[in-house]
Amino acid sequence: MTPADLASIYRQYIACLNTRDWSNLGRFVHDEVSHNGKRIGLAGYRQMLENDYASIPDLHFNIELLVVEPPYVASRLQFDCSPKARFLEL
């Protein structure tokens, strides 16, 4: 896979999140995904995202910096959003 191909897939993943296209989330996230060292599976990952969007209705993932060197992807995401209440203890 070329760097351009991998970058395109990552951008599609971010677009999937921003459009809340949960039916296509499995194109980008493995069925046995882990988050912070805990296996939550695709269903758990989707639930986590749905909860985030419920807590932060204007949540939008903005790619500020994207570095791709297959098989690695590094990204700095920028957020400008307003949680309805406390979020992540903030």
PDB file of N, CA and C in Angstrom:
ATOM      1  N   MET A   1       0.849  -1.179   0.000  1.00  0.00           N
ATOM      2  CA  MET A   1       0.000   0.000   0.000  1.00  0.00           C
ATOM      3  C   MET A   1       0.895   1.242   0.000  1.00  0.00           C
ATOM      4  N   THR A   2       0.571   2.173  -0.850  1.00  0.00           N
ATOM      5  CA  THR A   2       1.364   3.393  -0.940  1.00  0.00           C
ATOM      6  C   THR A   2       0.969   4.370   0.168  1.00  0.00           C
ATOM      7  N   PRO A   3       1.834   5.325   0.475  1.00  0.00           N
ATOM      8  CA  PRO A   3       1.466   6.348   1.450  1.00  0.00           C
ATOM      9  C   PRO A   3       0.175   7.086   1.047  1.00  0.00           C
ATOM     10  N   ALA A   4       0.021   7.378  -0.235  1.00  0.00           N
ATOM     11  CA  ALA A   4      -1.185   8.083  -0.692  1.00  0.00           C
ATOM     12  C   ALA A   4      -2.433   7.236  -0.470  1.00  0.00           C
ATOM     13  N   ASP A   5      -2.328   5.915  -0.724  1.00  0.00           N
ATOM     14  CA  ASP A   5      -3.465   5.020  -0.496  1.00  0.00           C
ATOM     15  C   ASP A   5      -3.848   4.987   0.975  1.00  0.00           C
ATOM     16  N   LEU A   6      -2.845   4.844   1.842  1.00  0.00           N
ATOM     17  CA  LEU A   6      -3.107   4.770   3.277  1.00  0.00           C
ATOM     18  C   LEU A   6      -3.664   6.089   3.801  1.00  0.00           C
ATOM     19  N   ALA A   7      -3.155   7.202   3.323  1.00  0.00           N
ATOM     20  CA  ALA A   7      -3.684   8.512   3.720  1.00  0.00           C
ATOM     21  C   ALA A   7      -5.134   8.658   3.295  1.00  0.00           C
ATOM     22  N   SER A   8      -5.453   8.181   2.108  1.00  0.00           N
ATOM     23  CA  SER A   8      -6.831   8.246   1.611  1.00  0.00           C
ATOM     24  C   SER A   8      -7.770   7.431   2.497  1.00  0.00           C
ATOM     25  N   ILE A   9      -7.334   6.250   2.878  1.00  0.00           N
ATOM     26  CA  ILE A   9      -8.160   5.410   3.758  1.00  0.00           C
ATOM     27  C   ILE A   9      -8.367   6.100   5.101  1.00  0.00           C
ATOM     28  N   TYR A  10      -7.322   6.697   5.643  1.00  0.00           N
ATOM     29  CA  TYR A  10      -7.455   7.394   6.924  1.00  0.00           C
ATOM     30  C   TYR A  10      -8.430   8.570   6.806  1.00  0.00           C
ATOM     31  N   ARG A  11      -8.331   9.313   5.729  1.00  0.00           N
ATOM     32  CA  ARG A  11      -9.260  10.435   5.517  1.00  0.00           C
ATOM     33  C   ARG A  11     -10.697   9.939   5.378  1.00  0.00           C
ATOM     34  N   GLN A  12     -10.872   8.791   4.743  1.00  0.00           N
ATOM     35  CA  GLN A  12     -12.208   8.198   4.631  1.00  0.00           C
ATOM     36  C   GLN A  12     -12.738   7.792   6.007  1.00  0.00           C
ATOM     37  N   TYR A  13     -11.857   7.272   6.858  1.00  0.00           N
ATOM     38  CA  TYR A  13     -12.229   6.913   8.228  1.00  0.00           C
ATOM     39  C   TYR A  13     -12.699   8.147   8.996  1.00  0.00           C
ATOM     40  N   ILE A  14     -11.948   9.227   8.908  1.00  0.00           N
ATOM     41  CA  ILE A  14     -12.338  10.461   9.589  1.00  0.00           C
ATOM     42  C   ILE A  14     -13.662  10.981   9.026  1.00  0.00           C
ATOM     43  N   ALA A  15     -13.850  10.896   7.718  1.00  0.00           N
ATOM     44  CA  ALA A  15     -15.127  11.307   7.112  1.00  0.00           C
ATOM     45  C   ALA A  15     -16.268  10.436   7.633  1.00  0.00           C
ATOM     46  N   CYS A  16     -16.005   9.146   7.807  1.00  0.00           N
ATOM     47  CA  CYS A  16     -17.008   8.232   8.357  1.00  0.00           C
ATOM     48  C   CYS A  16     -17.424   8.685   9.761  1.00  0.00           C
ATOM     49  N   LEU A  17     -16.443   9.072  10.569  1.00  0.00           N
ATOM     50  CA  LEU A  17     -16.755   9.561  11.914  1.00  0.00           C
ATOM     51  C   LEU A  17     -17.556  10.858  11.856  1.00  0.00           C
ATOM     52  N   ASN A  18     -17.126  11.776  11.007  1.00  0.00           N
ATOM     53  CA  ASN A  18     -17.776  13.086  10.954  1.00  0.00           C
ATOM     54  C   ASN A  18     -19.192  13.031  10.406  1.00  0.00           C
ATOM     55  N   THR A  19     -19.469  12.065   9.545  1.00  0.00           N
ATOM     56  CA  THR A  19     -20.833  11.926   9.018  1.00  0.00           C
ATOM     57  C   THR A  19     -21.658  10.950   9.839  1.00  0.00           C
ATOM     58  N   ARG A  20     -21.009  10.374  10.857  1.00  0.00           N
ATOM     59  CA  ARG A  20     -21.673   9.405  11.740  1.00  0.00           C
ATOM     60  C   ARG A  20     -22.254   8.244  10.935  1.00  0.00           C
ATOM     61  N   ASP A  21     -21.472   7.786   9.990  1.00  0.00           N
ATOM     62  CA  ASP A  21     -21.870   6.702   9.094  1.00  0.00           C
ATOM     63  C   ASP A  21     -21.527   5.366   9.747  1.00  0.00           C
ATOM     64  N   TRP A  22     -22.230   5.055  10.828  1.00  0.00           N
ATOM     65  CA  TRP A  22     -21.887   3.895  11.642  1.00  0.00           C
ATOM     66  C   TRP A  22     -21.985   2.585  10.860  1.00  0.00           C
ATOM     67  N   SER A  23     -22.824   2.514   9.852  1.00  0.00           N
ATOM     68  CA  SER A  23     -22.953   1.273   9.081  1.00  0.00           C
ATOM     69  C   SER A  23     -21.667   0.939   8.320  1.00  0.00           C
ATOM     70  N   ASN A  24     -20.804   1.924   8.063  1.00  0.00           N
ATOM     71  CA  ASN A  24     -19.543   1.689   7.366  1.00  0.00           C
ATOM     72  C   ASN A  24     -18.329   1.694   8.293  1.00  0.00           C
ATOM     73  N   LEU A  25     -18.544   1.827   9.583  1.00  0.00           N
ATOM     74  CA  LEU A  25     -17.433   1.888  10.526  1.00  0.00           C
ATOM     75  C   LEU A  25     -16.562   0.633  10.448  1.00  0.00           C
ATOM     76  N   GLY A  26     -17.171  -0.508  10.196  1.00  0.00           N
ATOM     77  CA  GLY A  26     -16.442  -1.766  10.096  1.00  0.00           C
ATOM     78  C   GLY A  26     -15.465  -1.821   8.933  1.00  0.00           C
ATOM     79  N   ARG A  27     -15.574  -0.911   7.976  1.00  0.00           N
ATOM     80  CA  ARG A  27     -14.591  -0.829   6.891  1.00  0.00           C
ATOM     81  C   ARG A  27     -13.241  -0.343   7.413  1.00  0.00           C
ATOM     82  N   PHE A  28     -13.257   0.342   8.551  1.00  0.00           N
ATOM     83  CA  PHE A  28     -12.058   0.984   9.074  1.00  0.00           C
ATOM     84  C   PHE A  28     -11.616   0.455  10.435  1.00  0.00           C
ATOM     85  N   VAL A  29     -12.500  -0.198  11.144  1.00  0.00           N
ATOM     86  CA  VAL A  29     -12.223  -0.635  12.509  1.00  0.00           C
ATOM     87  C   VAL A  29     -12.404  -2.149  12.587  1.00  0.00           C
ATOM     88  N   HIS A  30     -11.422  -2.839  13.123  1.00  0.00           N
ATOM     89  CA  HIS A  30     -11.449  -4.295  13.237  1.00  0.00           C
ATOM     90  C   HIS A  30     -12.517  -4.737  14.240  1.00  0.00           C
ATOM     91  N   ASP A  31     -13.089  -5.908  13.999  1.00  0.00           N
ATOM     92  CA  ASP A  31     -14.122  -6.460  14.899  1.00  0.00           C
ATOM     93  C   ASP A  31     -13.626  -6.620  16.330  1.00  0.00           C
ATOM     94  N   GLU A  32     -12.317  -6.804  16.502  1.00  0.00           N
ATOM     95  CA  GLU A  32     -11.761  -7.037  17.833  1.00  0.00           C
ATOM     96  C   GLU A  32     -10.921  -5.846  18.306  1.00  0.00           C
ATOM     97  N   VAL A  33     -11.335  -4.646  17.951  1.00  0.00           N
ATOM     98  CA  VAL A  33     -10.580  -3.442  18.290  1.00  0.00           C
ATOM     99  C   VAL A  33     -10.430  -3.299  19.810  1.00  0.00           C
ATOM    100  N   SER A  34      -9.275  -2.751  20.203  1.00  0.00           N
ATOM    101  CA  SER A  34      -9.012  -2.420  21.601  1.00  0.00           C
ATOM    102  C   SER A  34      -8.914  -0.907  21.727  1.00  0.00           C
ATOM    103  N   HIS A  35      -9.293  -0.402  22.887  1.00  0.00           N
ATOM    104  CA  HIS A  35      -9.196   1.029  23.178  1.00  0.00           C
ATOM    105  C   HIS A  35      -8.545   1.166  24.540  1.00  0.00           C
ATOM    106  N   ASN A  36      -7.426   1.871  24.589  1.00  0.00           N
ATOM    107  CA  ASN A  36      -6.669   2.043  25.832  1.00  0.00           C
ATOM    108  C   ASN A  36      -6.383   0.701  26.509  1.00  0.00           C
ATOM    109  N   GLY A  37      -5.993  -0.296  25.695  1.00  0.00           N
ATOM    110  CA  GLY A  37      -5.599  -1.589  26.219  1.00  0.00           C
ATOM    111  C   GLY A  37      -6.729  -2.536  26.568  1.00  0.00           C
ATOM    112  N   LYS A  38      -7.968  -2.129  26.339  1.00  0.00           N
ATOM    113  CA  LYS A  38      -9.130  -2.971  26.665  1.00  0.00           C
ATOM    114  C   LYS A  38      -9.855  -3.325  25.375  1.00  0.00           C
ATOM    115  N   ARG A  39     -10.055  -4.629  25.147  1.00  0.00           N
ATOM    116  CA  ARG A  39     -10.782  -5.056  23.954  1.00  0.00           C
ATOM    117  C   ARG A  39     -12.254  -4.685  24.118  1.00  0.00           C
ATOM    118  N   ILE A  40     -12.746  -3.872  23.185  1.00  0.00           N
ATOM    119  CA  ILE A  40     -14.148  -3.447  23.246  1.00  0.00           C
ATOM    120  C   ILE A  40     -14.928  -3.900  22.016  1.00  0.00           C
ATOM    121  N   GLY A  41     -14.220  -4.361  20.996  1.00  0.00           N
ATOM    122  CA  GLY A  41     -14.890  -4.827  19.791  1.00  0.00           C
ATOM    123  C   GLY A  41     -15.509  -3.674  19.009  1.00  0.00           C
ATOM    124  N   LEU A  42     -15.906  -3.983  17.802  1.00  0.00           N
ATOM    125  CA  LEU A  42     -16.504  -2.971  16.936  1.00  0.00           C
ATOM    126  C   LEU A  42     -17.762  -2.376  17.547  1.00  0.00           C
ATOM    127  N   ALA A  43     -18.604  -3.222  18.152  1.00  0.00           N
ATOM    128  CA  ALA A  43     -19.845  -2.719  18.764  1.00  0.00           C
ATOM    129  C   ALA A  43     -19.543  -1.760  19.909  1.00  0.00           C
ATOM    130  N   GLY A  44     -18.542  -2.084  20.714  1.00  0.00           N
ATOM    131  CA  GLY A  44     -18.166  -1.211  21.818  1.00  0.00           C
ATOM    132  C   GLY A  44     -17.559   0.093  21.336  1.00  0.00           C
ATOM    133  N   TYR A  45     -16.787   0.015  20.256  1.00  0.00           N
ATOM    134  CA  TYR A  45     -16.181   1.217  19.675  1.00  0.00           C
ATOM    135  C   TYR A  45     -17.268   2.137  19.138  1.00  0.00           C
ATOM    136  N   ARG A  46     -18.229   1.542  18.448  1.00  0.00           N
ATOM    137  CA  ARG A  46     -19.348   2.330  17.924  1.00  0.00           C
ATOM    138  C   ARG A  46     -20.131   2.977  19.070  1.00  0.00           C
ATOM    139  N   GLN A  47     -20.389   2.206  20.120  1.00  0.00           N
ATOM    140  CA  GLN A  47     -21.116   2.752  21.269  1.00  0.00           C
ATOM    141  C   GLN A  47     -20.354   3.906  21.905  1.00  0.00           C
ATOM    142  N   MET A  48     -19.023   3.772  21.999  1.00  0.00           N
ATOM    143  CA  MET A  48     -18.198   4.842  22.548  1.00  0.00           C
ATOM    144  C   MET A  48     -18.355   6.110  21.709  1.00  0.00           C
ATOM    145  N   LEU A  49     -18.300   5.971  20.384  1.00  0.00           N
ATOM    146  CA  LEU A  49     -18.454   7.125  19.500  1.00  0.00           C
ATOM    147  C   LEU A  49     -19.845   7.731  19.605  1.00  0.00           C
ATOM    148  N   GLU A  50     -20.854   6.879  19.637  1.00  0.00           N
ATOM    149  CA  GLU A  50     -22.228   7.388  19.767  1.00  0.00           C
ATOM    150  C   GLU A  50     -22.395   8.163  21.074  1.00  0.00           C
ATOM    151  N   ASN A  51     -21.796   7.657  22.144  1.00  0.00           N
ATOM    152  CA  ASN A  51     -21.855   8.368  23.424  1.00  0.00           C
ATOM    153  C   ASN A  51     -21.125   9.705  23.343  1.00  0.00           C
ATOM    154  N   ASP A  52     -19.973   9.719  22.671  1.00  0.00           N
ATOM    155  CA  ASP A  52     -19.232  10.970  22.506  1.00  0.00           C
ATOM    156  C   ASP A  52     -20.073  12.002  21.758  1.00  0.00           C
ATOM    157  N   TYR A  53     -20.715  11.574  20.681  1.00  0.00           N
ATOM    158  CA  TYR A  53     -21.530  12.501  19.899  1.00  0.00           C
ATOM    159  C   TYR A  53     -22.777  12.940  20.668  1.00  0.00           C
ATOM    160  N   ALA A  54     -23.315  12.069  21.508  1.00  0.00           N
ATOM    161  CA  ALA A  54     -24.457  12.463  22.339  1.00  0.00           C
ATOM    162  C   ALA A  54     -24.025  13.517  23.358  1.00  0.00           C
ATOM    163  N   SER A  55     -22.808  13.371  23.891  1.00  0.00           N
ATOM    164  CA  SER A  55     -22.285  14.325  24.874  1.00  0.00           C
ATOM    165  C   SER A  55     -21.783  15.613  24.230  1.00  0.00           C
ATOM    166  N   ILE A  56     -21.373  15.504  22.966  1.00  0.00           N
ATOM    167  CA  ILE A  56     -20.798  16.653  22.250  1.00  0.00           C
ATOM    168  C   ILE A  56     -21.458  16.721  20.869  1.00  0.00           C
ATOM    169  N   PRO A  57     -22.641  17.300  20.771  1.00  0.00           N
ATOM    170  CA  PRO A  57     -23.375  17.303  19.502  1.00  0.00           C
ATOM    171  C   PRO A  57     -22.633  17.935  18.332  1.00  0.00           C
ATOM    172  N   ASP A  58     -21.754  18.885  18.592  1.00  0.00           N
ATOM    173  CA  ASP A  58     -21.034  19.538  17.490  1.00  0.00           C
ATOM    174  C   ASP A  58     -19.629  18.957  17.276  1.00  0.00           C
ATOM    175  N   LEU A  59     -19.397  17.739  17.776  1.00  0.00           N
ATOM    176  CA  LEU A  59     -18.092  17.097  17.625  1.00  0.00           C
ATOM    177  C   LEU A  59     -17.759  16.905  16.150  1.00  0.00           C
ATOM    178  N   HIS A  60     -16.550  17.324  15.789  1.00  0.00           N
ATOM    179  CA  HIS A  60     -16.071  17.176  14.412  1.00  0.00           C
ATOM    180  C   HIS A  60     -14.566  16.944  14.477  1.00  0.00           C
ATOM    181  N   PHE A  61     -14.110  15.905  13.797  1.00  0.00           N
ATOM    182  CA  PHE A  61     -12.691  15.557  13.762  1.00  0.00           C
ATOM    183  C   PHE A  61     -12.034  16.314  12.614  1.00  0.00           C
ATOM    184  N   ASN A  62     -11.075  17.158  12.926  1.00  0.00           N
ATOM    185  CA  ASN A  62     -10.340  17.926  11.917  1.00  0.00           C
ATOM    186  C   ASN A  62      -8.888  17.464  11.898  1.00  0.00           C
ATOM    187  N   ILE A  63      -8.443  16.995  10.743  1.00  0.00           N
ATOM    188  CA  ILE A  63      -7.053  16.573  10.624  1.00  0.00           C
ATOM    189  C   ILE A  63      -6.181  17.817  10.487  1.00  0.00           C
ATOM    190  N   GLU A  64      -5.372  18.047  11.497  1.00  0.00           N
ATOM    191  CA  GLU A  64      -4.454  19.187  11.469  1.00  0.00           C
ATOM    192  C   GLU A  64      -3.123  18.790  10.840  1.00  0.00           C
ATOM    193  N   LEU A  65      -2.703  17.562  11.106  1.00  0.00           N
ATOM    194  CA  LEU A  65      -1.442  17.062  10.588  1.00  0.00           C
ATOM    195  C   LEU A  65      -1.598  15.564  10.345  1.00  0.00           C
ATOM    196  N   LEU A  66      -1.140  15.099   9.190  1.00  0.00           N
ATOM    197  CA  LEU A  66      -1.213  13.681   8.860  1.00  0.00           C
ATOM    198  C   LEU A  66       0.132  13.247   8.294  1.00  0.00           C
ATOM    199  N   VAL A  67       0.738  12.258   8.931  1.00  0.00           N
ATOM    200  CA  VAL A  67       2.007  11.703   8.483  1.00  0.00           C
ATOM    201  C   VAL A  67       1.783  10.221   8.226  1.00  0.00           C
ATOM    202  N   VAL A  68       2.125   9.783   7.021  1.00  0.00           N
ATOM    203  CA  VAL A  68       1.896   8.398   6.646  1.00  0.00           C
ATOM    204  C   VAL A  68       3.190   7.785   6.147  1.00  0.00           C
ATOM    205  N   GLU A  69       3.585   6.704   6.789  1.00  0.00           N
ATOM    206  CA  GLU A  69       4.735   5.917   6.360  1.00  0.00           C
ATOM    207  C   GLU A  69       4.343   4.451   6.586  1.00  0.00           C
ATOM    208  N   PRO A  70       3.732   3.834   5.553  1.00  0.00           N
ATOM    209  CA  PRO A  70       3.180   2.478   5.726  1.00  0.00           C
ATOM    210  C   PRO A  70       4.165   1.552   6.439  1.00  0.00           C
ATOM    211  N   PRO A  71       3.644   0.811   7.416  1.00  0.00           N
ATOM    212  CA  PRO A  71       2.241   0.640   7.759  1.00  0.00           C
ATOM    213  C   PRO A  71       1.743   1.600   8.838  1.00  0.00           C
ATOM    214  N   TYR A  72       2.459   2.679   9.092  1.00  0.00           N
ATOM    215  CA  TYR A  72       2.119   3.587  10.188  1.00  0.00           C
ATOM    216  C   TYR A  72       1.390   4.838   9.703  1.00  0.00           C
ATOM    217  N   VAL A  73       0.479   5.298  10.566  1.00  0.00           N
ATOM    218  CA  VAL A  73      -0.232   6.554  10.349  1.00  0.00           C
ATOM    219  C   VAL A  73      -0.164   7.327  11.653  1.00  0.00           C
ATOM    220  N   ALA A  74       0.210   8.586  11.573  1.00  0.00           N
ATOM    221  CA  ALA A  74       0.210   9.459  12.743  1.00  0.00           C
ATOM    222  C   ALA A  74      -0.609  10.694  12.385  1.00  0.00           C
ATOM    223  N   SER A  75      -1.446  11.114  13.313  1.00  0.00           N
ATOM    224  CA  SER A  75      -2.311  12.246  13.017  1.00  0.00           C
ATOM    225  C   SER A  75      -2.484  13.111  14.251  1.00  0.00           C
ATOM    226  N   ARG A  76      -2.507  14.400  14.031  1.00  0.00           N
ATOM    227  CA  ARG A  76      -2.892  15.349  15.074  1.00  0.00           C
ATOM    228  C   ARG A  76      -4.282  15.829  14.697  1.00  0.00           C
ATOM    229  N   LEU A  77      -5.215  15.566  15.588  1.00  0.00           N
ATOM    230  CA  LEU A  77      -6.591  15.985  15.349  1.00  0.00           C
ATOM    231  C   LEU A  77      -6.884  17.234  16.164  1.00  0.00           C
ATOM    232  N   GLN A  78      -7.610  18.131  15.562  1.00  0.00           N
ATOM    233  CA  GLN A  78      -7.990  19.379  16.236  1.00  0.00           C
ATOM    234  C   GLN A  78      -9.497  19.347  16.477  1.00  0.00           C
ATOM    235  N   PHE A  79      -9.878  19.803  17.656  1.00  0.00           N
ATOM    236  CA  PHE A  79     -11.291  19.843  18.022  1.00  0.00           C
ATOM    237  C   PHE A  79     -11.650  21.246  18.476  1.00  0.00           C
ATOM    238  N   ASP A  80     -12.783  21.732  18.018  1.00  0.00           N
ATOM    239  CA  ASP A  80     -13.362  22.985  18.486  1.00  0.00           C
ATOM    240  C   ASP A  80     -14.835  22.681  18.691  1.00  0.00           C
ATOM    241  N   CYS A  81     -15.168  22.238  19.894  1.00  0.00           N
ATOM    242  CA  CYS A  81     -16.522  21.760  20.138  1.00  0.00           C
ATOM    243  C   CYS A  81     -16.953  22.119  21.557  1.00  0.00           C
ATOM    244  N   SER A  82     -18.220  21.901  21.819  1.00  0.00           N
ATOM    245  CA  SER A  82     -18.798  22.301  23.107  1.00  0.00           C
ATOM    246  C   SER A  82     -19.581  21.153  23.725  1.00  0.00           C
ATOM    247  N   PRO A  83     -18.970  20.418  24.665  1.00  0.00           N
ATOM    248  CA  PRO A  83     -19.721  19.373  25.355  1.00  0.00           C
ATOM    249  C   PRO A  83     -20.929  19.961  26.091  1.00  0.00           C
ATOM    250  N   LYS A  84     -21.992  19.161  26.176  1.00  0.00           N
ATOM    251  CA  LYS A  84     -23.200  19.615  26.866  1.00  0.00           C
ATOM    252  C   LYS A  84     -22.988  19.709  28.375  1.00  0.00           C
ATOM    253  N   ALA A  85     -22.067  18.892  28.887  1.00  0.00           N
ATOM    254  CA  ALA A  85     -21.793  18.851  30.316  1.00  0.00           C
ATOM    255  C   ALA A  85     -20.346  18.381  30.491  1.00  0.00           C
ATOM    256  N   ARG A  86     -19.990  17.913  31.682  1.00  0.00           N
ATOM    257  CA  ARG A  86     -18.641  17.408  31.916  1.00  0.00           C
ATOM    258  C   ARG A  86     -18.346  16.286  30.921  1.00  0.00           C
ATOM    259  N   PHE A  87     -17.123  16.286  30.398  1.00  0.00           N
ATOM    260  CA  PHE A  87     -16.708  15.244  29.469  1.00  0.00           C
ATOM    261  C   PHE A  87     -15.270  14.891  29.787  1.00  0.00           C
ATOM    262  N   LEU A  88     -14.980  13.600  29.980  1.00  0.00           N
ATOM    263  CA  LEU A  88     -13.657  13.136  30.363  1.00  0.00           C
ATOM    264  C   LEU A  88     -13.141  13.876  31.593  1.00  0.00           C
ATOM    265  N   GLU A  89     -14.037  14.067  32.527  1.00  0.00           N
ATOM    266  CA  GLU A  89     -13.716  14.731  33.794  1.00  0.00           C
ATOM    267  C   GLU A  89     -13.322  16.181  33.642  1.00  0.00           C
ATOM    268  N   LEU A  90     -13.665  16.783  32.523  1.00  0.00           N
ATOM    269  CA  LEU A  90     -13.380  18.202  32.300  1.00  0.00           C
ATOM    270  C   LEU A  90     -14.686  18.973  32.190  1.00  0.00           C
TER     271      LEU A  90
END
